[in-house]
N, C-alpha and C. Protein backbone atom coordinates (compact mmCIF):
# COMPACT_ATOMS: atom_id res chain seq x y z
N MET A 1 105.97 106.59 102.75
CA MET A 1 106.02 105.81 101.54
C MET A 1 104.96 104.72 101.66
N LEU A 2 104.15 104.59 100.63
CA LEU A 2 103.03 103.65 100.62
C LEU A 2 103.14 102.74 99.41
N TYR A 3 102.85 101.47 99.58
CA TYR A 3 102.74 100.52 98.49
C TYR A 3 101.27 100.49 98.08
N LYS A 4 100.92 101.30 97.09
CA LYS A 4 99.53 101.47 96.67
C LYS A 4 99.02 100.23 95.95
N PRO A 5 97.89 99.70 96.42
CA PRO A 5 97.26 98.58 95.72
C PRO A 5 96.43 99.06 94.52
N LYS A 6 96.11 98.14 93.65
CA LYS A 6 95.21 98.40 92.53
C LYS A 6 93.82 98.69 93.08
N SER A 7 93.04 99.46 92.36
CA SER A 7 91.65 99.81 92.71
C SER A 7 91.53 100.77 93.89
N VAL A 8 92.63 101.32 94.33
CA VAL A 8 92.63 102.36 95.36
C VAL A 8 93.02 103.65 94.65
N ILE A 9 92.27 104.71 94.87
CA ILE A 9 92.54 105.94 94.12
C ILE A 9 93.38 106.93 94.93
N THR A 10 94.12 107.75 94.20
CA THR A 10 95.01 108.73 94.82
C THR A 10 94.27 110.05 94.91
N THR A 11 93.42 110.15 95.90
CA THR A 11 92.69 111.38 96.19
C THR A 11 92.32 111.36 97.67
N ARG A 12 92.01 112.52 98.20
CA ARG A 12 91.68 112.59 99.63
C ARG A 12 90.33 111.95 99.92
N CYS A 13 89.32 112.24 99.11
CA CYS A 13 88.01 111.62 99.30
C CYS A 13 87.37 111.44 97.93
N ASP A 14 86.49 110.47 97.83
CA ASP A 14 85.88 110.14 96.55
C ASP A 14 84.38 110.19 96.68
N GLU A 15 83.74 110.97 95.79
CA GLU A 15 82.29 111.12 95.82
C GLU A 15 81.57 109.79 95.53
N ALA A 16 82.26 108.85 94.87
CA ALA A 16 81.66 107.54 94.58
C ALA A 16 81.89 106.54 95.71
N GLY A 17 82.60 106.96 96.75
CA GLY A 17 82.81 106.08 97.91
C GLY A 17 83.88 105.03 97.72
N ARG A 18 84.71 105.18 96.69
CA ARG A 18 85.78 104.21 96.46
C ARG A 18 86.89 104.40 97.49
N ALA A 19 87.66 103.34 97.71
CA ALA A 19 88.77 103.40 98.66
C ALA A 19 89.85 104.34 98.14
N THR A 20 90.44 105.11 99.06
CA THR A 20 91.52 106.03 98.70
C THR A 20 92.80 105.62 99.43
N VAL A 21 93.93 106.16 98.96
CA VAL A 21 95.20 105.86 99.62
C VAL A 21 95.18 106.32 101.08
N PHE A 22 94.39 107.35 101.38
CA PHE A 22 94.34 107.86 102.75
C PHE A 22 93.61 106.92 103.70
N ASP A 23 92.77 106.05 103.15
CA ASP A 23 92.11 105.03 103.97
C ASP A 23 93.12 104.01 104.50
N LEU A 24 94.28 103.92 103.86
CA LEU A 24 95.32 102.96 104.25
C LEU A 24 96.26 103.51 105.32
N LEU A 25 96.10 104.80 105.63
CA LEU A 25 97.00 105.46 106.58
C LEU A 25 96.35 105.60 107.94
N PRO A 26 97.19 105.68 108.99
CA PRO A 26 96.63 105.98 110.31
C PRO A 26 96.08 107.41 110.32
N GLU A 27 95.18 107.67 111.20
CA GLU A 27 94.50 108.98 111.29
C GLU A 27 95.48 110.15 111.33
N GLU A 28 96.59 109.99 112.05
CA GLU A 28 97.53 111.11 112.20
C GLU A 28 98.29 111.45 110.91
N LEU A 29 98.19 110.64 109.88
CA LEU A 29 98.86 110.93 108.60
C LEU A 29 97.89 111.31 107.49
N ARG A 30 96.63 111.38 107.78
CA ARG A 30 95.64 111.63 106.74
C ARG A 30 95.61 113.08 106.26
N HIS A 31 96.37 113.96 106.90
CA HIS A 31 96.47 115.34 106.43
C HIS A 31 97.59 115.50 105.38
N PHE A 32 98.37 114.46 105.17
CA PHE A 32 99.44 114.51 104.17
C PHE A 32 98.83 114.64 102.78
N HIS A 33 99.65 114.95 101.79
CA HIS A 33 99.18 114.94 100.40
C HIS A 33 100.12 114.06 99.58
N ALA A 34 99.59 113.53 98.50
CA ALA A 34 100.37 112.64 97.64
C ALA A 34 101.33 113.46 96.78
N VAL A 35 102.52 112.93 96.60
CA VAL A 35 103.51 113.52 95.71
C VAL A 35 103.26 112.89 94.33
N GLY A 36 102.54 113.60 93.48
CA GLY A 36 102.11 113.02 92.21
C GLY A 36 100.97 112.06 92.45
N ARG A 37 100.65 111.29 91.42
CA ARG A 37 99.53 110.36 91.51
C ARG A 37 99.88 109.04 90.83
N LEU A 38 99.18 108.02 91.22
CA LEU A 38 99.16 106.75 90.49
C LEU A 38 97.70 106.50 90.17
N ASP A 39 97.39 106.16 88.91
CA ASP A 39 96.00 105.94 88.55
C ASP A 39 95.44 104.70 89.25
N MET A 40 94.15 104.54 89.16
CA MET A 40 93.45 103.48 89.90
C MET A 40 93.99 102.08 89.59
N ALA A 41 94.41 101.83 88.36
CA ALA A 41 94.87 100.50 87.96
C ALA A 41 96.36 100.28 88.21
N THR A 42 97.07 101.32 88.61
CA THR A 42 98.51 101.23 88.83
C THR A 42 98.80 100.95 90.30
N THR A 43 99.77 100.07 90.54
CA THR A 43 100.21 99.76 91.90
C THR A 43 101.60 100.37 92.10
N GLY A 44 102.06 100.32 93.35
CA GLY A 44 103.44 100.66 93.59
C GLY A 44 103.70 101.80 94.55
N LEU A 45 104.92 102.31 94.46
CA LEU A 45 105.45 103.27 95.41
C LEU A 45 104.80 104.64 95.23
N LEU A 46 104.18 105.11 96.29
CA LEU A 46 103.58 106.44 96.32
C LEU A 46 104.13 107.17 97.54
N LEU A 47 104.63 108.37 97.33
CA LEU A 47 105.11 109.18 98.45
C LEU A 47 104.00 110.10 98.93
N LEU A 48 103.94 110.28 100.24
CA LEU A 48 103.00 111.21 100.85
C LEU A 48 103.79 112.09 101.81
N THR A 49 103.43 113.37 101.86
CA THR A 49 104.21 114.30 102.69
C THR A 49 103.34 115.45 103.18
N ASN A 50 103.84 116.14 104.18
CA ASN A 50 103.25 117.41 104.61
C ASN A 50 104.19 118.57 104.28
N ASP A 51 105.26 118.27 103.54
CA ASP A 51 106.27 119.26 103.16
C ASP A 51 106.03 119.68 101.71
N THR A 52 105.40 120.83 101.50
CA THR A 52 105.05 121.27 100.15
C THR A 52 106.30 121.60 99.32
N ARG A 53 107.36 122.07 99.94
CA ARG A 53 108.60 122.34 99.21
C ARG A 53 109.22 121.06 98.69
N LEU A 54 109.22 120.02 99.51
CA LEU A 54 109.75 118.72 99.08
C LEU A 54 108.90 118.17 97.93
N SER A 55 107.60 118.25 98.06
CA SER A 55 106.70 117.76 97.02
C SER A 55 106.94 118.51 95.70
N ALA A 56 107.05 119.82 95.76
CA ALA A 56 107.29 120.62 94.56
C ALA A 56 108.63 120.25 93.92
N TYR A 57 109.64 120.07 94.73
CA TYR A 57 110.96 119.68 94.23
C TYR A 57 110.90 118.34 93.51
N LEU A 58 110.26 117.35 94.14
CA LEU A 58 110.23 116.00 93.58
C LEU A 58 109.41 115.90 92.29
N THR A 59 108.43 116.76 92.12
CA THR A 59 107.57 116.69 90.94
C THR A 59 107.98 117.66 89.82
N ASP A 60 108.93 118.54 90.08
CA ASP A 60 109.37 119.49 89.05
C ASP A 60 110.32 118.79 88.08
N PRO A 61 109.97 118.71 86.80
CA PRO A 61 110.81 118.01 85.81
C PRO A 61 112.25 118.54 85.73
N VAL A 62 112.47 119.78 86.09
CA VAL A 62 113.81 120.37 86.05
C VAL A 62 114.77 119.60 86.94
N ASN A 63 114.26 118.99 88.02
CA ASN A 63 115.11 118.29 88.98
C ASN A 63 115.41 116.85 88.59
N VAL A 64 114.83 116.35 87.53
CA VAL A 64 115.11 115.03 86.96
C VAL A 64 115.13 113.92 88.02
N VAL A 65 114.06 113.83 88.78
CA VAL A 65 113.92 112.76 89.77
C VAL A 65 113.32 111.55 89.06
N LEU A 66 114.09 110.48 88.96
CA LEU A 66 113.65 109.30 88.22
C LEU A 66 112.52 108.57 88.92
N ARG A 67 111.59 108.08 88.09
CA ARG A 67 110.54 107.18 88.54
C ARG A 67 110.71 105.93 87.69
N VAL A 68 110.75 104.77 88.34
CA VAL A 68 111.00 103.52 87.63
C VAL A 68 109.76 102.64 87.76
N TYR A 69 109.36 102.05 86.62
CA TYR A 69 108.15 101.25 86.55
C TYR A 69 108.44 99.89 85.92
N ALA A 70 107.78 98.86 86.45
CA ALA A 70 107.72 97.55 85.80
C ALA A 70 106.43 97.56 85.00
N VAL A 71 106.54 97.28 83.69
CA VAL A 71 105.41 97.42 82.78
C VAL A 71 105.23 96.12 82.00
N ALA A 72 103.99 95.68 81.88
CA ALA A 72 103.65 94.57 80.97
C ALA A 72 102.67 95.14 79.96
N VAL A 73 102.96 94.91 78.67
CA VAL A 73 102.10 95.39 77.59
C VAL A 73 101.68 94.21 76.72
N SER A 74 100.56 94.38 76.04
CA SER A 74 100.08 93.34 75.14
C SER A 74 100.98 93.26 73.91
N GLY A 75 101.18 92.05 73.43
CA GLY A 75 101.92 91.83 72.19
C GLY A 75 103.42 91.96 72.32
N ARG A 76 104.08 91.63 71.23
CA ARG A 76 105.55 91.71 71.16
C ARG A 76 105.94 93.13 70.76
N ILE A 77 106.70 93.78 71.61
CA ILE A 77 107.17 95.13 71.29
C ILE A 77 108.52 95.02 70.59
N THR A 78 108.70 95.82 69.58
CA THR A 78 109.94 95.76 68.79
C THR A 78 110.93 96.82 69.25
N ASN A 79 112.19 96.61 68.85
CA ASN A 79 113.23 97.61 69.15
C ASN A 79 112.91 98.93 68.47
N GLU A 80 112.30 98.88 67.29
CA GLU A 80 111.92 100.10 66.58
C GLU A 80 110.92 100.91 67.39
N LYS A 81 109.95 100.25 67.99
CA LYS A 81 108.95 100.95 68.81
C LYS A 81 109.59 101.49 70.09
N LEU A 82 110.52 100.75 70.66
CA LEU A 82 111.20 101.23 71.86
C LEU A 82 112.02 102.48 71.55
N LEU A 83 112.63 102.52 70.38
CA LEU A 83 113.38 103.70 69.97
C LEU A 83 112.44 104.90 69.81
N LYS A 84 111.25 104.67 69.26
CA LYS A 84 110.26 105.74 69.15
C LYS A 84 109.88 106.26 70.54
N ALA A 85 109.72 105.34 71.50
CA ALA A 85 109.35 105.73 72.86
C ALA A 85 110.46 106.57 73.52
N LEU A 86 111.70 106.27 73.20
CA LEU A 86 112.83 107.03 73.74
C LEU A 86 112.96 108.39 73.06
N ASN A 87 112.63 108.46 71.79
CA ASN A 87 112.70 109.73 71.05
C ASN A 87 111.50 110.62 71.33
N GLY A 88 110.39 110.02 71.70
CA GLY A 88 109.20 110.78 72.05
C GLY A 88 108.09 110.68 71.02
N ILE A 89 106.87 110.69 71.52
CA ILE A 89 105.66 110.62 70.70
C ILE A 89 104.73 111.73 71.16
N TRP A 90 104.17 112.45 70.20
CA TRP A 90 103.21 113.51 70.54
C TRP A 90 101.83 112.90 70.71
N ASP A 91 101.17 113.25 71.83
CA ASP A 91 99.81 112.79 72.10
C ASP A 91 99.07 113.93 72.80
N LYS A 92 97.98 114.37 72.21
CA LYS A 92 97.14 115.43 72.78
C LYS A 92 97.97 116.66 73.16
N GLY A 93 98.89 117.03 72.26
CA GLY A 93 99.68 118.23 72.46
C GLY A 93 100.82 118.09 73.45
N GLU A 94 101.09 116.88 73.93
CA GLU A 94 102.18 116.65 74.89
C GLU A 94 103.18 115.67 74.31
N LEU A 95 104.46 115.94 74.55
CA LEU A 95 105.50 115.01 74.16
C LEU A 95 105.66 113.97 75.26
N LEU A 96 105.36 112.72 74.92
CA LEU A 96 105.52 111.60 75.85
C LEU A 96 106.84 110.92 75.50
N LYS A 97 107.69 110.74 76.50
CA LYS A 97 109.04 110.27 76.21
C LYS A 97 109.60 109.50 77.40
N LEU A 98 110.17 108.34 77.13
CA LEU A 98 110.82 107.56 78.18
C LEU A 98 112.26 108.04 78.34
N ALA A 99 112.75 108.08 79.57
CA ALA A 99 114.16 108.41 79.80
C ALA A 99 115.03 107.21 79.48
N GLU A 100 114.59 106.03 79.87
CA GLU A 100 115.28 104.76 79.62
C GLU A 100 114.24 103.66 79.53
N VAL A 101 114.58 102.59 78.82
CA VAL A 101 113.70 101.43 78.75
C VAL A 101 114.56 100.19 78.59
N THR A 102 114.20 99.13 79.30
CA THR A 102 114.87 97.84 79.20
C THR A 102 113.81 96.79 78.91
N LEU A 103 113.99 96.06 77.83
CA LEU A 103 113.08 94.97 77.50
C LEU A 103 113.55 93.73 78.25
N ARG A 104 112.69 93.22 79.11
CA ARG A 104 113.06 92.06 79.93
C ARG A 104 112.62 90.75 79.30
N LYS A 105 111.46 90.78 78.60
CA LYS A 105 110.92 89.56 77.99
C LYS A 105 109.91 89.97 76.94
N ALA A 106 109.89 89.25 75.83
CA ALA A 106 108.89 89.54 74.80
C ALA A 106 108.39 88.24 74.18
N SER A 107 107.08 88.16 74.03
CA SER A 107 106.46 87.06 73.32
C SER A 107 105.33 87.64 72.49
N ASN A 108 104.71 86.82 71.68
CA ASN A 108 103.60 87.33 70.88
C ASN A 108 102.43 87.76 71.76
N LYS A 109 102.31 87.16 72.96
CA LYS A 109 101.22 87.49 73.87
C LYS A 109 101.47 88.81 74.60
N GLU A 110 102.68 88.98 75.19
CA GLU A 110 102.97 90.20 75.95
C GLU A 110 104.46 90.43 76.07
N SER A 111 104.79 91.67 76.41
CA SER A 111 106.18 92.07 76.62
C SER A 111 106.30 92.70 78.01
N HIS A 112 107.44 92.45 78.65
CA HIS A 112 107.72 92.99 79.99
C HIS A 112 108.91 93.92 79.90
N LEU A 113 108.75 95.10 80.50
CA LEU A 113 109.79 96.13 80.40
C LEU A 113 110.02 96.81 81.75
N ILE A 114 111.19 97.42 81.86
CA ILE A 114 111.47 98.35 82.95
C ILE A 114 111.59 99.71 82.28
N VAL A 115 110.81 100.67 82.75
CA VAL A 115 110.72 101.99 82.14
C VAL A 115 111.11 103.05 83.17
N GLU A 116 111.90 104.02 82.74
CA GLU A 116 112.26 105.15 83.59
C GLU A 116 111.70 106.43 83.00
N LEU A 117 111.10 107.25 83.86
CA LEU A 117 110.57 108.57 83.48
C LEU A 117 111.21 109.62 84.37
N THR A 118 111.28 110.84 83.85
CA THR A 118 111.74 111.96 84.68
C THR A 118 110.63 112.96 84.91
N GLU A 119 109.46 112.71 84.33
CA GLU A 119 108.28 113.54 84.53
C GLU A 119 107.13 112.63 84.89
N GLY A 120 106.08 113.20 85.42
CA GLY A 120 104.91 112.43 85.77
C GLY A 120 103.67 112.95 85.08
N LYS A 121 103.68 112.97 83.75
CA LYS A 121 102.50 113.44 83.02
C LYS A 121 101.34 112.46 83.21
N ASN A 122 100.13 112.98 83.13
CA ASN A 122 98.94 112.18 83.35
C ASN A 122 98.89 110.97 82.40
N LEU A 123 98.85 109.78 82.99
CA LEU A 123 98.74 108.51 82.25
C LEU A 123 99.82 108.36 81.17
N GLU A 124 100.99 108.92 81.40
CA GLU A 124 102.03 108.98 80.37
C GLU A 124 102.40 107.61 79.80
N ILE A 125 102.68 106.65 80.64
CA ILE A 125 103.10 105.34 80.16
C ILE A 125 101.96 104.66 79.39
N ARG A 126 100.76 104.71 79.92
CA ARG A 126 99.61 104.10 79.24
C ARG A 126 99.38 104.76 77.87
N ARG A 127 99.42 106.07 77.82
CA ARG A 127 99.19 106.80 76.57
C ARG A 127 100.30 106.52 75.56
N LEU A 128 101.55 106.49 76.01
CA LEU A 128 102.67 106.27 75.12
C LEU A 128 102.58 104.89 74.47
N PHE A 129 102.37 103.85 75.27
CA PHE A 129 102.31 102.50 74.70
C PHE A 129 101.06 102.30 73.84
N LYS A 130 99.97 102.95 74.20
CA LYS A 130 98.77 102.88 73.35
C LYS A 130 99.06 103.48 71.98
N SER A 131 99.80 104.60 71.95
CA SER A 131 100.19 105.22 70.68
C SER A 131 101.06 104.29 69.84
N LEU A 132 101.79 103.40 70.51
CA LEU A 132 102.64 102.44 69.81
C LEU A 132 101.88 101.16 69.45
N GLY A 133 100.59 101.09 69.83
CA GLY A 133 99.78 99.92 69.50
C GLY A 133 99.79 98.81 70.54
N HIS A 134 100.15 99.16 71.78
CA HIS A 134 100.23 98.15 72.85
C HIS A 134 99.44 98.63 74.07
N GLU A 135 98.55 97.80 74.55
CA GLU A 135 97.80 98.12 75.77
C GLU A 135 98.65 97.76 76.98
N VAL A 136 98.66 98.64 77.97
CA VAL A 136 99.35 98.33 79.23
C VAL A 136 98.47 97.38 80.02
N ILE A 137 99.01 96.22 80.32
CA ILE A 137 98.29 95.18 81.07
C ILE A 137 98.53 95.34 82.56
N GLN A 138 99.76 95.67 82.90
CA GLN A 138 100.13 95.82 84.31
C GLN A 138 101.17 96.93 84.42
N LEU A 139 100.99 97.78 85.45
CA LEU A 139 101.90 98.90 85.67
C LEU A 139 102.14 99.05 87.16
N LYS A 140 103.42 99.06 87.52
CA LYS A 140 103.80 99.14 88.93
C LYS A 140 105.02 100.05 89.06
N ARG A 141 104.90 101.11 89.89
CA ARG A 141 106.06 101.96 90.17
C ARG A 141 106.90 101.24 91.22
N VAL A 142 108.15 100.96 90.86
CA VAL A 142 109.03 100.21 91.75
C VAL A 142 110.08 101.09 92.43
N ALA A 143 110.25 102.32 91.92
CA ALA A 143 111.21 103.23 92.54
C ALA A 143 110.82 104.67 92.25
N PHE A 144 111.15 105.54 93.18
CA PHE A 144 110.95 106.99 93.04
C PHE A 144 112.22 107.60 93.60
N GLY A 145 113.02 108.21 92.71
CA GLY A 145 114.32 108.71 93.16
C GLY A 145 115.14 107.56 93.71
N CYS A 146 115.70 107.74 94.89
CA CYS A 146 116.53 106.71 95.50
C CYS A 146 115.72 105.66 96.28
N LEU A 147 114.42 105.87 96.39
CA LEU A 147 113.57 104.96 97.17
C LEU A 147 113.11 103.79 96.31
N LYS A 148 113.14 102.60 96.89
CA LYS A 148 112.70 101.39 96.19
C LYS A 148 111.60 100.71 96.99
N LEU A 149 110.72 100.05 96.27
CA LEU A 149 109.57 99.38 96.88
C LEU A 149 109.95 98.08 97.58
N GLU A 150 111.13 97.58 97.32
CA GLU A 150 111.58 96.29 97.85
C GLU A 150 111.28 96.14 99.34
N GLY A 151 110.80 94.95 99.70
CA GLY A 151 110.57 94.62 101.11
C GLY A 151 109.24 95.07 101.66
N MET A 152 108.43 95.77 100.88
CA MET A 152 107.14 96.24 101.37
C MET A 152 106.03 95.32 100.86
N GLN A 153 104.96 95.26 101.64
CA GLN A 153 103.78 94.48 101.27
C GLN A 153 102.72 95.41 100.70
N LEU A 154 101.89 94.90 99.82
CA LEU A 154 100.80 95.65 99.23
C LEU A 154 99.94 96.30 100.33
N GLY A 155 99.70 97.60 100.22
CA GLY A 155 98.89 98.32 101.20
C GLY A 155 99.66 98.82 102.41
N GLN A 156 100.91 98.43 102.54
CA GLN A 156 101.74 98.83 103.68
C GLN A 156 102.32 100.22 103.47
N PHE A 157 102.49 100.96 104.57
CA PHE A 157 103.20 102.24 104.51
C PHE A 157 104.35 102.18 105.50
N ARG A 158 105.31 103.06 105.30
CA ARG A 158 106.39 103.21 106.27
C ARG A 158 106.88 104.65 106.23
N TYR A 159 107.44 105.07 107.35
CA TYR A 159 108.03 106.40 107.43
C TYR A 159 109.40 106.38 106.75
N LEU A 160 109.76 107.48 106.11
CA LEU A 160 111.10 107.60 105.55
C LEU A 160 112.07 107.98 106.64
N ALA A 161 113.27 107.42 106.56
CA ALA A 161 114.33 107.80 107.48
C ALA A 161 114.88 109.17 107.06
N PRO A 162 115.38 109.96 107.99
CA PRO A 162 115.94 111.28 107.63
C PRO A 162 116.97 111.21 106.50
N GLU A 163 117.80 110.15 106.51
CA GLU A 163 118.81 110.04 105.46
C GLU A 163 118.19 109.74 104.08
N GLU A 164 117.02 109.09 104.06
CA GLU A 164 116.32 108.87 102.79
C GLU A 164 115.77 110.18 102.24
N ILE A 165 115.23 111.01 103.12
CA ILE A 165 114.71 112.31 102.69
C ILE A 165 115.87 113.17 102.17
N GLU A 166 116.99 113.15 102.87
CA GLU A 166 118.16 113.90 102.41
C GLU A 166 118.64 113.39 101.06
N ALA A 167 118.67 112.07 100.88
CA ALA A 167 119.13 111.48 99.62
C ALA A 167 118.22 111.85 98.45
N LEU A 168 116.93 112.01 98.71
CA LEU A 168 115.99 112.40 97.65
C LEU A 168 116.33 113.75 97.05
N THR A 169 116.92 114.61 97.85
CA THR A 169 117.18 115.99 97.42
C THR A 169 118.67 116.32 97.38
N ARG A 170 119.51 115.34 97.47
CA ARG A 170 120.97 115.56 97.61
C ARG A 170 121.56 116.37 96.45
N ARG A 171 121.13 116.12 95.21
CA ARG A 171 121.75 116.80 94.07
C ARG A 171 121.51 118.30 94.10
N ASN A 172 120.31 118.73 94.42
CA ASN A 172 119.99 120.16 94.49
C ASN A 172 119.20 120.39 95.76
N LEU A 173 119.89 120.70 96.81
CA LEU A 173 119.18 120.86 98.08
C LEU A 173 118.13 121.95 97.98
N ILE A 174 116.95 121.64 98.52
CA ILE A 174 115.84 122.59 98.44
C ILE A 174 115.87 123.53 99.62
């Protein structure tokens, strides 16, 4: 589990020479692969594994593994727009839809939310809020399944305990 910083990309190597998540890992873990991706501007919890079955399980929407994000968007978001986000918005042939959303704070300048997803479509949160007329200012994944980012420092990684790995797959053992 890695606390991905902003401006670090989720790829093994970058032709432009930008820092990657693998640069933050010790040499013996650089053969792992990322479970899903976080875009360059997004921070937060990123899982890395050498277990392709576990990775496939965690990223398959059928298994409904929640991903939780702290989101700040420009402007005051209304309950009507949040309802649209929960019902789904079509963008580029894809249905973008939040599983849950909690409005934590709203002002004319910006709104702060906690968002839950069960899929990891490319730039889903950014695209969804843009469709609603709000730019995502800050995006941080704070939980993936039963795992929470709490207690970790930016750029830090840690090994998962066996019971955490078991808890990730407890509902439908792979």
